[in-house]
Amino acid sequence: MVAATAQQEVAPWYRHVWPWLLMGGPLVVVVASTVTFWLAARTPDAMVVDDYYKQGNAINQSIERDEEAVKLGLSAEVKFPGAGGGQLEVDMSSAQALAWPPAIQVLLVHPTKANLDRTVELHLATAAQSNGAHYVGPVGATEHIAYQLTVQDFGNKWRLMSDRRGAARDVVKLRAGSTNDSNPTQPAESAAGG
């Protein structure tokens, strides 16, 4: 009779805490590995560069281009159009007399999405003096984010770099030897006085 009452008092396995605690650990691991697999399948792999030596040489060339811009005493003022796009204008100046190239490039590099990068070709509009030149080129609408901005010649002899910050309609000043513009970005309305 004692054995019969002991069997009646024992609850089924699923009513005990210990089986659930023991199954909880592996269950958490299965869920975490499923989420990890989903993230890995959804995100593209970063490409491993085979030509690292060439890219190292390209970095050295980039440094030489920056040093050439410092030697020439280059600076630029990049004027962005309004939110709908329009004409991108670049006023170049130099500490010494230069023969300005007929065209330059402006590169807008998105910080995270390569498909939003832009390359704009600007043509010489006026070169009133050998120390300055004005370039103009069409550009579409640009987003309200911090693009990395590069102004360079097509011969890859010099370049100026900065980070574009601010509104869709603004002015960015670049100076050789500085990766970030020393003057903060100003809205074009306040730069124009209105």
Protein backbone atom coordinates (compact mmCIF):
# COMPACT_ATOMS: atom_id res chain seq x y z
CA MET A 1 0.00 0.00 0.00
CA VAL A 2 2.90 2.34 0.64
CA ALA A 3 4.26 1.69 -2.84
CA ALA A 4 0.92 2.57 -4.42
CA THR A 5 0.71 5.96 -2.71
CA ALA A 6 4.32 6.80 -3.70
CA GLN A 7 3.46 6.23 -7.36
CA GLN A 8 0.42 8.46 -7.12
CA GLU A 9 2.41 11.35 -5.61
CA VAL A 10 5.07 11.44 -8.39
CA ALA A 11 4.21 14.11 -10.99
CA PRO A 12 4.86 13.61 -14.74
CA TRP A 13 8.32 14.70 -16.02
CA TYR A 14 7.10 17.90 -17.67
CA ARG A 15 5.82 19.21 -14.34
CA HIS A 16 9.31 19.19 -12.85
CA VAL A 17 11.72 22.18 -13.15
CA TRP A 18 14.93 20.26 -13.81
CA PRO A 19 14.09 18.85 -17.26
CA TRP A 20 13.17 22.35 -18.47
CA LEU A 21 16.37 23.86 -17.06
CA LEU A 22 18.43 21.14 -18.74
CA MET A 23 16.66 21.65 -22.10
CA GLY A 24 16.80 25.46 -21.85
CA GLY A 25 20.56 25.75 -22.51
CA PRO A 26 20.59 23.76 -25.78
CA LEU A 27 17.37 25.50 -26.88
CA VAL A 28 19.01 28.95 -26.44
CA VAL A 29 22.02 27.74 -28.46
CA VAL A 30 19.79 26.49 -31.29
CA VAL A 31 17.93 29.83 -31.47
CA ALA A 32 21.19 31.84 -31.35
CA SER A 33 22.79 29.73 -34.08
CA THR A 34 19.69 30.12 -36.26
CA VAL A 35 19.85 33.92 -35.89
CA THR A 36 23.59 33.88 -36.59
CA PHE A 37 23.10 31.79 -39.73
CA TRP A 38 20.35 34.16 -40.92
CA LEU A 39 22.61 37.21 -40.41
CA ALA A 40 25.53 35.50 -42.17
CA ALA A 41 23.39 34.50 -45.15
CA ARG A 42 21.82 37.96 -45.42
CA THR A 43 25.05 40.04 -45.22
CA PRO A 44 27.48 39.88 -48.18
CA ASP A 45 31.03 38.76 -47.47
CA ALA A 46 33.80 41.35 -47.52
CA MET A 47 36.13 40.77 -50.43
CA VAL A 48 39.68 39.71 -49.64
CA VAL A 49 42.05 41.79 -51.72
CA ASP A 50 44.48 39.76 -53.82
CA ASP A 51 46.56 42.71 -54.99
CA TYR A 52 47.47 44.14 -51.59
CA TYR A 53 50.91 45.17 -52.89
CA LYS A 54 49.32 47.28 -55.65
CA GLN A 55 46.94 48.84 -53.14
CA GLY A 56 49.88 49.68 -50.86
CA ASN A 57 51.53 51.47 -53.76
CA ALA A 58 48.25 53.29 -54.46
CA ILE A 59 48.22 54.52 -50.86
CA ASN A 60 51.73 55.90 -51.35
CA GLN A 61 50.54 57.63 -54.55
CA SER A 62 47.63 59.13 -52.62
CA ILE A 63 50.01 60.54 -50.03
CA GLU A 64 52.12 62.01 -52.83
CA ARG A 65 48.99 63.66 -54.29
CA ASP A 66 48.19 65.21 -50.91
CA GLU A 67 51.78 66.44 -50.57
CA GLU A 68 51.63 67.96 -54.08
CA ALA A 69 48.47 69.86 -53.12
CA VAL A 70 50.26 71.22 -50.05
CA LYS A 71 53.26 72.28 -52.20
CA LEU A 72 50.93 74.14 -54.57
CA GLY A 73 49.02 75.71 -51.68
CA LEU A 74 45.68 74.56 -53.05
CA SER A 75 42.31 75.33 -51.52
CA ALA A 76 38.77 74.97 -52.80
CA GLU A 77 35.29 76.13 -51.98
CA VAL A 78 32.64 73.63 -53.06
CA LYS A 79 29.10 75.01 -53.41
CA PHE A 80 26.34 72.41 -53.42
CA PRO A 81 22.96 73.13 -55.05
CA GLY A 82 19.65 72.76 -53.28
CA ALA A 83 17.97 69.47 -52.39
CA GLY A 84 16.67 68.93 -55.94
CA GLY A 85 20.11 69.03 -57.55
CA GLY A 86 21.53 71.47 -60.07
CA GLN A 87 25.00 72.89 -60.71
CA LEU A 88 27.88 71.97 -58.43
CA GLU A 89 30.43 74.80 -58.33
CA VAL A 90 34.06 74.68 -57.22
CA ASP A 91 36.22 77.77 -56.79
CA MET A 92 39.88 76.70 -56.76
CA SER A 93 42.73 78.89 -55.55
CA SER A 94 46.46 78.41 -55.31
CA ALA A 95 49.35 80.09 -53.50
CA GLN A 96 51.28 80.12 -56.79
CA ALA A 97 50.49 80.62 -60.45
CA LEU A 98 49.11 77.47 -62.08
CA ALA A 99 47.94 76.31 -65.48
CA TRP A 100 44.53 75.02 -64.39
CA PRO A 101 43.31 71.77 -66.00
CA PRO A 102 40.26 71.96 -68.30
CA ALA A 103 38.29 69.60 -66.03
CA ILE A 104 38.40 68.24 -62.48
CA GLN A 105 36.54 65.52 -60.56
CA VAL A 106 34.54 65.75 -57.38
CA LEU A 107 34.05 62.43 -55.59
CA LEU A 108 31.25 62.07 -53.05
CA VAL A 109 31.89 58.87 -51.11
CA HIS A 110 29.05 57.58 -48.94
CA PRO A 111 30.31 56.42 -45.52
CA THR A 112 28.63 52.99 -45.68
CA LYS A 113 26.91 52.34 -49.04
CA ALA A 114 29.10 52.12 -52.15
CA ASN A 115 26.05 52.24 -54.45
CA LEU A 116 25.41 55.84 -53.27
CA ASP A 117 28.92 57.05 -54.21
CA ARG A 118 29.03 59.77 -56.86
CA THR A 119 31.66 61.03 -59.29
CA VAL A 120 30.97 64.46 -60.78
CA GLU A 121 32.99 65.90 -63.67
CA LEU A 122 33.33 69.67 -63.58
CA HIS A 123 34.58 71.82 -66.44
CA LEU A 124 36.54 75.06 -66.29
CA ALA A 125 34.09 77.95 -66.51
CA THR A 126 36.42 80.87 -65.92
CA ALA A 127 40.09 81.23 -65.12
CA ALA A 128 40.33 84.95 -64.48
CA GLN A 129 43.81 84.61 -63.06
CA SER A 130 46.46 81.94 -62.77
CA ASN A 131 45.93 81.79 -58.98
CA GLY A 132 42.25 80.89 -59.23
CA ALA A 133 39.71 79.01 -61.35
CA HIS A 134 35.97 78.40 -61.33
CA TYR A 135 34.58 74.95 -62.26
CA VAL A 136 30.94 73.97 -62.85
CA GLY A 137 29.19 70.64 -63.41
CA PRO A 138 25.74 69.07 -63.06
CA VAL A 139 24.93 67.03 -59.97
CA GLY A 140 21.73 65.34 -58.88
CA ALA A 141 20.19 65.51 -55.45
CA THR A 142 22.53 64.62 -52.58
CA GLU A 143 21.39 63.14 -49.29
CA HIS A 144 21.64 64.86 -45.90
CA ILE A 145 24.58 62.76 -44.72
CA ALA A 146 28.32 63.20 -44.18
CA TYR A 147 29.90 62.28 -47.51
CA GLN A 148 33.66 62.12 -47.82
CA LEU A 149 34.43 64.84 -50.36
CA THR A 150 37.45 64.70 -52.70
CA VAL A 151 38.38 67.28 -55.34
CA GLN A 152 41.09 66.07 -57.74
CA ASP A 153 42.53 66.57 -61.18
CA PHE A 154 42.17 63.91 -63.88
CA GLY A 155 45.95 63.47 -64.08
CA ASN A 156 46.02 62.26 -60.46
CA LYS A 157 48.68 64.82 -59.56
CA TRP A 158 46.88 66.46 -56.61
CA ARG A 159 43.77 66.11 -54.49
CA LEU A 160 41.93 67.86 -51.67
CA MET A 161 39.82 65.92 -49.17
CA SER A 162 37.23 66.75 -46.54
CA ASP A 163 34.05 65.47 -44.94
CA ARG A 164 30.86 67.11 -46.14
CA ARG A 165 28.53 67.85 -43.28
CA GLY A 166 25.34 69.80 -43.10
CA ALA A 167 22.32 70.56 -45.18
CA ALA A 168 21.61 69.69 -48.79
CA ARG A 169 22.45 73.26 -49.74
CA ASP A 170 25.80 74.22 -48.29
CA VAL A 171 29.36 75.35 -48.88
CA VAL A 172 32.42 73.27 -47.97
CA LYS A 173 35.89 74.76 -47.78
CA LEU A 174 38.88 72.51 -48.35
CA ARG A 175 42.52 73.30 -47.77
CA ALA A 176 45.57 71.23 -48.68
CA GLY A 177 47.08 69.42 -45.73
CA SER A 178 43.78 69.08 -43.86
CA THR A 179 41.45 66.07 -44.14
CA ASN A 180 38.64 67.91 -42.34
CA ASP A 181 37.69 71.38 -43.38
CA SER A 182 38.90 73.99 -40.90
CA ASN A 183 35.82 76.13 -41.46
CA PRO A 184 32.62 74.33 -40.51
CA THR A 185 30.09 73.81 -43.23
CA GLN A 186 27.77 76.76 -43.60
CA PRO A 187 24.34 76.74 -45.18
CA ALA A 188 24.47 78.52 -48.51
CA GLU A 189 21.80 81.00 -47.37
CA SER A 190 23.94 82.23 -44.47
CA ALA A 191 27.10 82.16 -46.59
CA ALA A 192 25.38 84.36 -49.14
CA GLY A 193 24.15 86.65 -46.41
CA GLY A 194 20.49 85.70 -46.65
